[in-house]
PDB file of N, CA and C in Angstrom:
ATOM      1  N   MET A   1      13.373 -11.101 -15.301  1.00  0.00           N
ATOM      2  CA  MET A   1      14.200  -9.511 -14.692  1.00  0.00           C
ATOM      3  C   MET A   1      12.529  -8.924 -14.313  1.00  0.00           C
ATOM      4  N   VAL A   2      11.329  -9.903 -15.532  1.00  0.00           N
ATOM      5  CA  VAL A   2      10.103  -8.979 -14.811  1.00  0.00           C
ATOM      6  C   VAL A   2       9.189  -9.314 -13.339  1.00  0.00           C
ATOM      7  N   GLU A   3       9.894 -10.425 -13.462  1.00  0.00           N
ATOM      8  CA  GLU A   3       9.711 -11.547 -11.940  1.00  0.00           C
ATOM      9  C   GLU A   3      10.075 -10.288 -11.130  1.00  0.00           C
ATOM     10  N   THR A   4      11.577  -9.577 -11.406  1.00  0.00           N
ATOM     11  CA  THR A   4      12.251  -9.394 -10.072  1.00  0.00           C
ATOM     12  C   THR A   4      11.601  -7.657  -9.967  1.00  0.00           C
ATOM     13  N   GLU A   5      11.059  -7.367 -11.047  1.00  0.00           N
ATOM     14  CA  GLU A   5      10.498  -6.111 -10.857  1.00  0.00           C
ATOM     15  C   GLU A   5       8.958  -6.222  -9.807  1.00  0.00           C
ATOM     16  N   ALA A   6       8.518  -6.873 -10.679  1.00  0.00           N
ATOM     17  CA  ALA A   6       7.585  -7.163  -9.665  1.00  0.00           C
ATOM     18  C   ALA A   6       7.329  -7.436  -8.012  1.00  0.00           C
ATOM     19  N   ILE A   7       8.018  -8.114  -8.193  1.00  0.00           N
ATOM     20  CA  ILE A   7       8.569  -8.777  -6.428  1.00  0.00           C
ATOM     21  C   ILE A   7       8.954  -7.248  -5.641  1.00  0.00           C
ATOM     22  N   ASP A   8       9.876  -6.448  -6.450  1.00  0.00           N
ATOM     23  CA  ASP A   8      10.495  -5.277  -5.633  1.00  0.00           C
ATOM     24  C   ASP A   8       9.395  -4.299  -5.557  1.00  0.00           C
ATOM     25  N   ARG A   9       8.465  -3.831  -6.510  1.00  0.00           N
ATOM     26  CA  ARG A   9       7.155  -3.331  -5.896  1.00  0.00           C
ATOM     27  C   ARG A   9       6.282  -3.786  -4.978  1.00  0.00           C
ATOM     28  N   CYS A  10       5.986  -4.935  -4.835  1.00  0.00           N
ATOM     29  CA  CYS A  10       5.530  -5.719  -4.397  1.00  0.00           C
ATOM     30  C   CYS A  10       5.919  -5.624  -2.503  1.00  0.00           C
ATOM     31  N   LEU A  11       7.438  -5.497  -2.402  1.00  0.00           N
ATOM     32  CA  LEU A  11       8.367  -5.676  -1.095  1.00  0.00           C
ATOM     33  C   LEU A  11       8.112  -3.899  -1.020  1.00  0.00           C
ATOM     34  N   THR A  12       7.848  -3.208  -1.710  1.00  0.00           N
ATOM     35  CA  THR A  12       8.261  -1.457  -1.501  1.00  0.00           C
ATOM     36  C   THR A  12       7.028  -1.347  -0.820  1.00  0.00           C
ATOM     37  N   TRP A  13       5.549  -1.857  -1.597  1.00  0.00           N
ATOM     38  CA  TRP A  13       4.711  -1.777  -1.056  1.00  0.00           C
ATOM     39  C   TRP A  13       3.818  -2.177  -0.134  1.00  0.00           C
ATOM     40  N   PHE A  14       4.510  -3.171   0.564  1.00  0.00           N
ATOM     41  CA  PHE A  14       4.247  -3.661   2.038  1.00  0.00           C
ATOM     42  C   PHE A  14       5.083  -2.978   2.681  1.00  0.00           C
ATOM     43  N   VAL A  15       6.274  -2.699   2.531  1.00  0.00           N
ATOM     44  CA  VAL A  15       6.712  -2.235   3.465  1.00  0.00           C
ATOM     45  C   VAL A  15       6.601  -0.518   3.984  1.00  0.00           C
ATOM     46  N   VAL A  16       6.320  -0.056   2.902  1.00  0.00           N
ATOM     47  CA  VAL A  16       5.236   1.705   2.881  1.00  0.00           C
ATOM     48  C   VAL A  16       3.841   1.083   3.937  1.00  0.00           C
ATOM     49  N   THR A  17       2.880   0.482   3.122  1.00  0.00           N
ATOM     50  CA  THR A  17       2.288   0.208   3.946  1.00  0.00           C
ATOM     51  C   THR A  17       2.027  -0.178   5.525  1.00  0.00           C
ATOM     52  N   ALA A  18       3.050  -0.956   5.921  1.00  0.00           N
ATOM     53  CA  ALA A  18       2.997  -1.290   7.493  1.00  0.00           C
ATOM     54  C   ALA A  18       3.708  -0.226   8.154  1.00  0.00           C
ATOM     55  N   ALA A  19       4.621   0.469   7.541  1.00  0.00           N
ATOM     56  CA  ALA A  19       5.497   1.939   8.271  1.00  0.00           C
ATOM     57  C   ALA A  19       3.654   2.806   8.001  1.00  0.00           C
ATOM     58  N   ARG A  20       3.200   3.010   7.569  1.00  0.00           N
ATOM     59  CA  ARG A  20       1.944   4.025   7.511  1.00  0.00           C
ATOM     60  C   ARG A  20       1.499   3.491   8.318  1.00  0.00           C
ATOM     61  N   THR A  21       0.755   2.519   8.337  1.00  0.00           N
ATOM     62  CA  THR A  21       0.030   1.708   9.587  1.00  0.00           C
ATOM     63  C   THR A  21       0.172   2.003  11.163  1.00  0.00           C
ATOM     64  N   ALA A  22       1.736   1.802  11.169  1.00  0.00           N
ATOM     65  CA  ALA A  22       2.447   1.848  12.099  1.00  0.00           C
ATOM     66  C   ALA A  22       2.110   3.324  12.605  1.00  0.00           C
ATOM     67  N   ARG A  23       2.343   4.078  11.507  1.00  0.00           N
ATOM     68  CA  ARG A  23       2.130   5.644  12.022  1.00  0.00           C
ATOM     69  C   ARG A  23       1.276   6.044  12.572  1.00  0.00           C
ATOM     70  N   PHE A  24       0.129   5.499  11.603  1.00  0.00           N
ATOM     71  CA  PHE A  24      -1.320   5.778  12.040  1.00  0.00           C
ATOM     72  C   PHE A  24      -1.758   5.357  13.699  1.00  0.00           C
ATOM     73  N   LEU A  25      -1.784   4.227  13.521  1.00  0.00           N
ATOM     74  CA  LEU A  25      -2.019   3.392  15.227  1.00  0.00           C
ATOM     75  C   LEU A  25      -1.744   4.100  16.029  1.00  0.00           C
ATOM     76  N   SER A  26       0.007   4.792  16.019  1.00  0.00           N
ATOM     77  CA  SER A  26       0.507   5.339  16.883  1.00  0.00           C
ATOM     78  C   SER A  26      -0.013   6.774  17.276  1.00  0.00           C
ATOM     79  N   ASP A  27      -0.639   7.619  16.289  1.00  0.00           N
ATOM     80  CA  ASP A  27      -1.437   8.557  16.188  1.00  0.00           C
ATOM     81  C   ASP A  27      -2.448   8.845  17.406  1.00  0.00           C
ATOM     82  N   LEU A  28      -2.362   9.757  18.224  1.00  0.00           N
ATOM     83  CA  LEU A  28      -3.495   9.857  19.330  1.00  0.00           C
ATOM     84  C   LEU A  28      -4.608   9.909  18.938  1.00  0.00           C
ATOM     85  N   GLN A  29      -5.024  10.728  17.877  1.00  0.00           N
ATOM     86  CA  GLN A  29      -5.944  11.392  17.704  1.00  0.00           C
ATOM     87  C   GLN A  29      -6.894  10.064  16.529  1.00  0.00           C
ATOM     88  N   ALA A  30      -6.245   8.786  16.626  1.00  0.00           N
ATOM     89  CA  ALA A  30      -7.306   7.898  15.618  1.00  0.00           C
ATOM     90  C   ALA A  30      -7.948   6.856  16.894  1.00  0.00           C
ATOM     91  N   ILE A  31      -7.407   7.440  18.616  1.00  0.00           N
ATOM     92  CA  ILE A  31      -8.296   6.945  19.281  1.00  0.00           C
ATOM     93  C   ILE A  31      -9.505   7.223  19.712  1.00  0.00           C
ATOM     94  N   ASN A  32      -9.958   8.515  19.185  1.00  0.00           N
ATOM     95  CA  ASN A  32     -11.292   9.763  19.207  1.00  0.00           C
ATOM     96  C   ASN A  32     -11.739   9.109  18.078  1.00  0.00           C
ATOM     97  N   PRO A  33     -12.955   8.335  18.040  1.00  0.00           N
ATOM     98  CA  PRO A  33     -13.779   7.801  17.091  1.00  0.00           C
ATOM     99  C   PRO A  33     -14.177   8.889  16.164  1.00  0.00           C
ATOM    100  N   SER A  34     -14.411  10.068  16.750  1.00  0.00           N
ATOM    101  CA  SER A  34     -14.915  11.409  15.917  1.00  0.00           C
ATOM    102  C   SER A  34     -13.769  11.836  14.917  1.00  0.00           C
ATOM    103  N   THR A  35     -12.817  11.522  15.202  1.00  0.00           N
ATOM    104  CA  THR A  35     -11.508  12.108  14.437  1.00  0.00           C
ATOM    105  C   THR A  35     -10.576  11.105  13.684  1.00  0.00           C
ATOM    106  N   ALA A  36     -11.035   9.671  13.962  1.00  0.00           N
ATOM    107  CA  ALA A  36     -10.456   8.638  13.313  1.00  0.00           C
ATOM    108  C   ALA A  36     -10.742   8.455  11.790  1.00  0.00           C
ATOM    109  N   ALA A  37     -11.845   8.641  10.983  1.00  0.00           N
ATOM    110  CA  ALA A  37     -12.121   8.782  10.052  1.00  0.00           C
ATOM    111  C   ALA A  37     -11.602  10.020   9.435  1.00  0.00           C
ATOM    112  N   SER A  38     -11.465  11.371  10.057  1.00  0.00           N
ATOM    113  CA  SER A  38     -10.684  12.316   9.093  1.00  0.00           C
ATOM    114  C   SER A  38      -8.785  11.790   8.800  1.00  0.00           C
ATOM    115  N   VAL A  39      -8.386  10.993  10.287  1.00  0.00           N
ATOM    116  CA  VAL A  39      -7.769  10.638  10.267  1.00  0.00           C
ATOM    117  C   VAL A  39      -6.606   9.675   9.275  1.00  0.00           C
ATOM    118  N   SER A  40      -7.961   8.635   8.751  1.00  0.00           N
ATOM    119  CA  SER A  40      -7.696   7.537   8.194  1.00  0.00           C
ATOM    120  C   SER A  40      -7.944   8.313   6.541  1.00  0.00           C
ATOM    121  N   LYS A  41      -8.931   9.464   6.460  1.00  0.00           N
ATOM    122  CA  LYS A  41      -8.388   9.892   5.097  1.00  0.00           C
ATOM    123  C   LYS A  41      -7.489  10.491   5.048  1.00  0.00           C
ATOM    124  N   LYS A  42      -7.009  11.570   5.688  1.00  0.00           N
ATOM    125  CA  LYS A  42      -5.550  12.149   4.923  1.00  0.00           C
ATOM    126  C   LYS A  42      -4.644  10.882   4.663  1.00  0.00           C
ATOM    127  N   TRP A  43      -4.725   9.854   5.946  1.00  0.00           N
ATOM    128  CA  TRP A  43      -3.809   8.706   5.293  1.00  0.00           C
ATOM    129  C   TRP A  43      -3.531   8.123   4.128  1.00  0.00           C
ATOM    130  N   VAL A  44      -5.219   8.173   3.472  1.00  0.00           N
ATOM    131  CA  VAL A  44      -5.209   7.472   2.113  1.00  0.00           C
ATOM    132  C   VAL A  44      -5.044   8.679   1.323  1.00  0.00           C
ATOM    133  N   GLU A  45      -4.907  10.161   1.528  1.00  0.00           N
ATOM    134  CA  GLU A  45      -4.794  10.723   0.789  1.00  0.00           C
ATOM    135  C   GLU A  45      -3.250  11.126   0.579  1.00  0.00           C
ATOM    136  N   GLY A  46      -2.676  10.659   1.608  1.00  0.00           N
ATOM    137  CA  GLY A  46      -1.220  10.827   1.558  1.00  0.00           C
ATOM    138  C   GLY A  46      -0.610   9.558   0.891  1.00  0.00           C
ATOM    139  N   ALA A  47      -1.127   8.514   1.001  1.00  0.00           N
ATOM    140  CA  ALA A  47      -0.633   7.288   0.131  1.00  0.00           C
ATOM    141  C   ALA A  47      -1.000   7.441  -1.557  1.00  0.00           C
ATOM    142  N   THR A  48      -2.299   7.895  -1.810  1.00  0.00           N
ATOM    143  CA  THR A  48      -2.122   8.566  -3.108  1.00  0.00           C
ATOM    144  C   THR A  48      -1.185   9.455  -3.768  1.00  0.00           C
ATOM    145  N   VAL A  49      -1.201  10.478  -3.241  1.00  0.00           N
ATOM    146  CA  VAL A  49      -0.510  11.682  -3.197  1.00  0.00           C
ATOM    147  C   VAL A  49       1.336  11.179  -4.016  1.00  0.00           C
ATOM    148  N   GLU A  50       1.585  10.210  -3.007  1.00  0.00           N
ATOM    149  CA  GLU A  50       2.742   9.768  -3.036  1.00  0.00           C
ATOM    150  C   GLU A  50       2.841   8.596  -3.931  1.00  0.00           C
ATOM    151  N   GLY A  51       1.822   8.136  -4.897  1.00  0.00           N
ATOM    152  CA  GLY A  51       1.556   7.268  -5.928  1.00  0.00           C
ATOM    153  C   GLY A  51       2.111   5.932  -5.714  1.00  0.00           C
ATOM    154  N   LEU A  52       1.505   5.661  -4.022  1.00  0.00           N
ATOM    155  CA  LEU A  52       1.919   4.557  -3.416  1.00  0.00           C
ATOM    156  C   LEU A  52       0.660   3.877  -3.690  1.00  0.00           C
ATOM    157  N   LYS A  53      -0.036   2.999  -4.956  1.00  0.00           N
ATOM    158  CA  LYS A  53      -0.855   2.153  -4.932  1.00  0.00           C
ATOM    159  C   LYS A  53      -0.662   0.692  -5.021  1.00  0.00           C
ATOM    160  N   ALA A  54      -1.483  -0.003  -4.594  1.00  0.00           N
ATOM    161  CA  ALA A  54      -1.534  -1.516  -4.789  1.00  0.00           C
ATOM    162  C   ALA A  54      -0.558  -2.007  -6.224  1.00  0.00           C
ATOM    163  N   PRO A  55       0.439  -2.994  -5.892  1.00  0.00           N
ATOM    164  CA  PRO A  55       1.139  -3.548  -7.017  1.00  0.00           C
ATOM    165  C   PRO A  55       0.040  -3.476  -8.239  1.00  0.00           C
ATOM    166  N   ALA A  56       0.379  -3.714  -9.301  1.00  0.00           N
ATOM    167  CA  ALA A  56      -0.362  -4.370 -10.689  1.00  0.00           C
ATOM    168  C   ALA A  56      -0.240  -6.102 -10.235  1.00  0.00           C
ATOM    169  N   PRO A  57      -1.486  -6.717 -10.727  1.00  0.00           N
ATOM    170  CA  PRO A  57      -0.977  -8.179 -10.575  1.00  0.00           C
ATOM    171  C   PRO A  57       0.238  -8.476 -11.736  1.00  0.00           C
ATOM    172  N   ILE A  58       0.834  -9.828 -11.281  1.00  0.00           N
ATOM    173  CA  ILE A  58       1.911  -9.811 -12.317  1.00  0.00           C
ATOM    174  C   ILE A  58       1.257 -10.901 -13.177  1.00  0.00           C
ATOM    175  N   LYS A  59       1.377 -10.176 -14.936  1.00  0.00           N
ATOM    176  CA  LYS A  59       0.999 -11.129 -15.735  1.00  0.00           C
ATOM    177  C   LYS A  59       1.995 -12.207 -16.104  1.00  0.00           C
ATOM    178  N   THR A  60       1.160 -13.385 -16.570  1.00  0.00           N
ATOM    179  CA  THR A  60       2.208 -14.707 -16.930  1.00  0.00           C
ATOM    180  C   THR A  60       1.649 -14.456 -18.409  1.00  0.00           C
ATOM    181  N   ARG A  61       2.495 -15.648 -19.392  1.00  0.00           N
ATOM    182  CA  ARG A  61       2.395 -15.667 -20.592  1.00  0.00           C
ATOM    183  C   ARG A  61       1.363 -16.740 -20.293  1.00  0.00           C
ATOM    184  N   PRO A  62       0.794 -17.302 -21.597  1.00  0.00           N
ATOM    185  CA  PRO A  62      -0.357 -17.596 -21.874  1.00  0.00           C
ATOM    186  C   PRO A  62       0.480 -19.416 -21.912  1.00  0.00           C
ATOM    187  N   SER A  63      -0.232 -20.083 -21.785  1.00  0.00           N
ATOM    188  CA  SER A  63       0.435 -21.577 -22.171  1.00  0.00           C
ATOM    189  C   SER A  63       0.624 -22.011 -23.130  1.00  0.00           C
ATOM    190  N   LEU A  64       1.663 -22.739 -23.608  1.00  0.00           N
ATOM    191  CA  LEU A  64       2.211 -23.096 -25.185  1.00  0.00           C
ATOM    192  C   LEU A  64       1.513 -24.658 -25.317  1.00  0.00           C
ATOM    193  N   MET A  65       0.935 -25.249 -24.152  1.00  0.00           N
ATOM    194  CA  MET A  65       0.341 -26.375 -23.955  1.00  0.00           C
ATOM    195  C   MET A  65      -1.245 -26.147 -24.283  1.00  0.00           C
ATOM    196  N   PRO A  66      -2.013 -27.115 -25.143  1.00  0.00           N
ATOM    197  CA  PRO A  66      -2.968 -26.801 -25.571  1.00  0.00           C
ATOM    198  C   PRO A  66      -4.447 -27.242 -24.151  1.00  0.00           C
TER     199      PRO A  66
END
């Protein structure tokens, strides 16, 4: 169950990141170097506001073998 939830979080993060990257690259302002920084800043802030952070690492159980 934990593995399934972790995989779902990873897939969601990758899909959303890919969609946002495509939108960022299609933005005409991104072509202009002087406004590219502000566009990328808005992109990062939007991702943070929506709570779309990188998934937490999957925690594994300690090995029972010495």
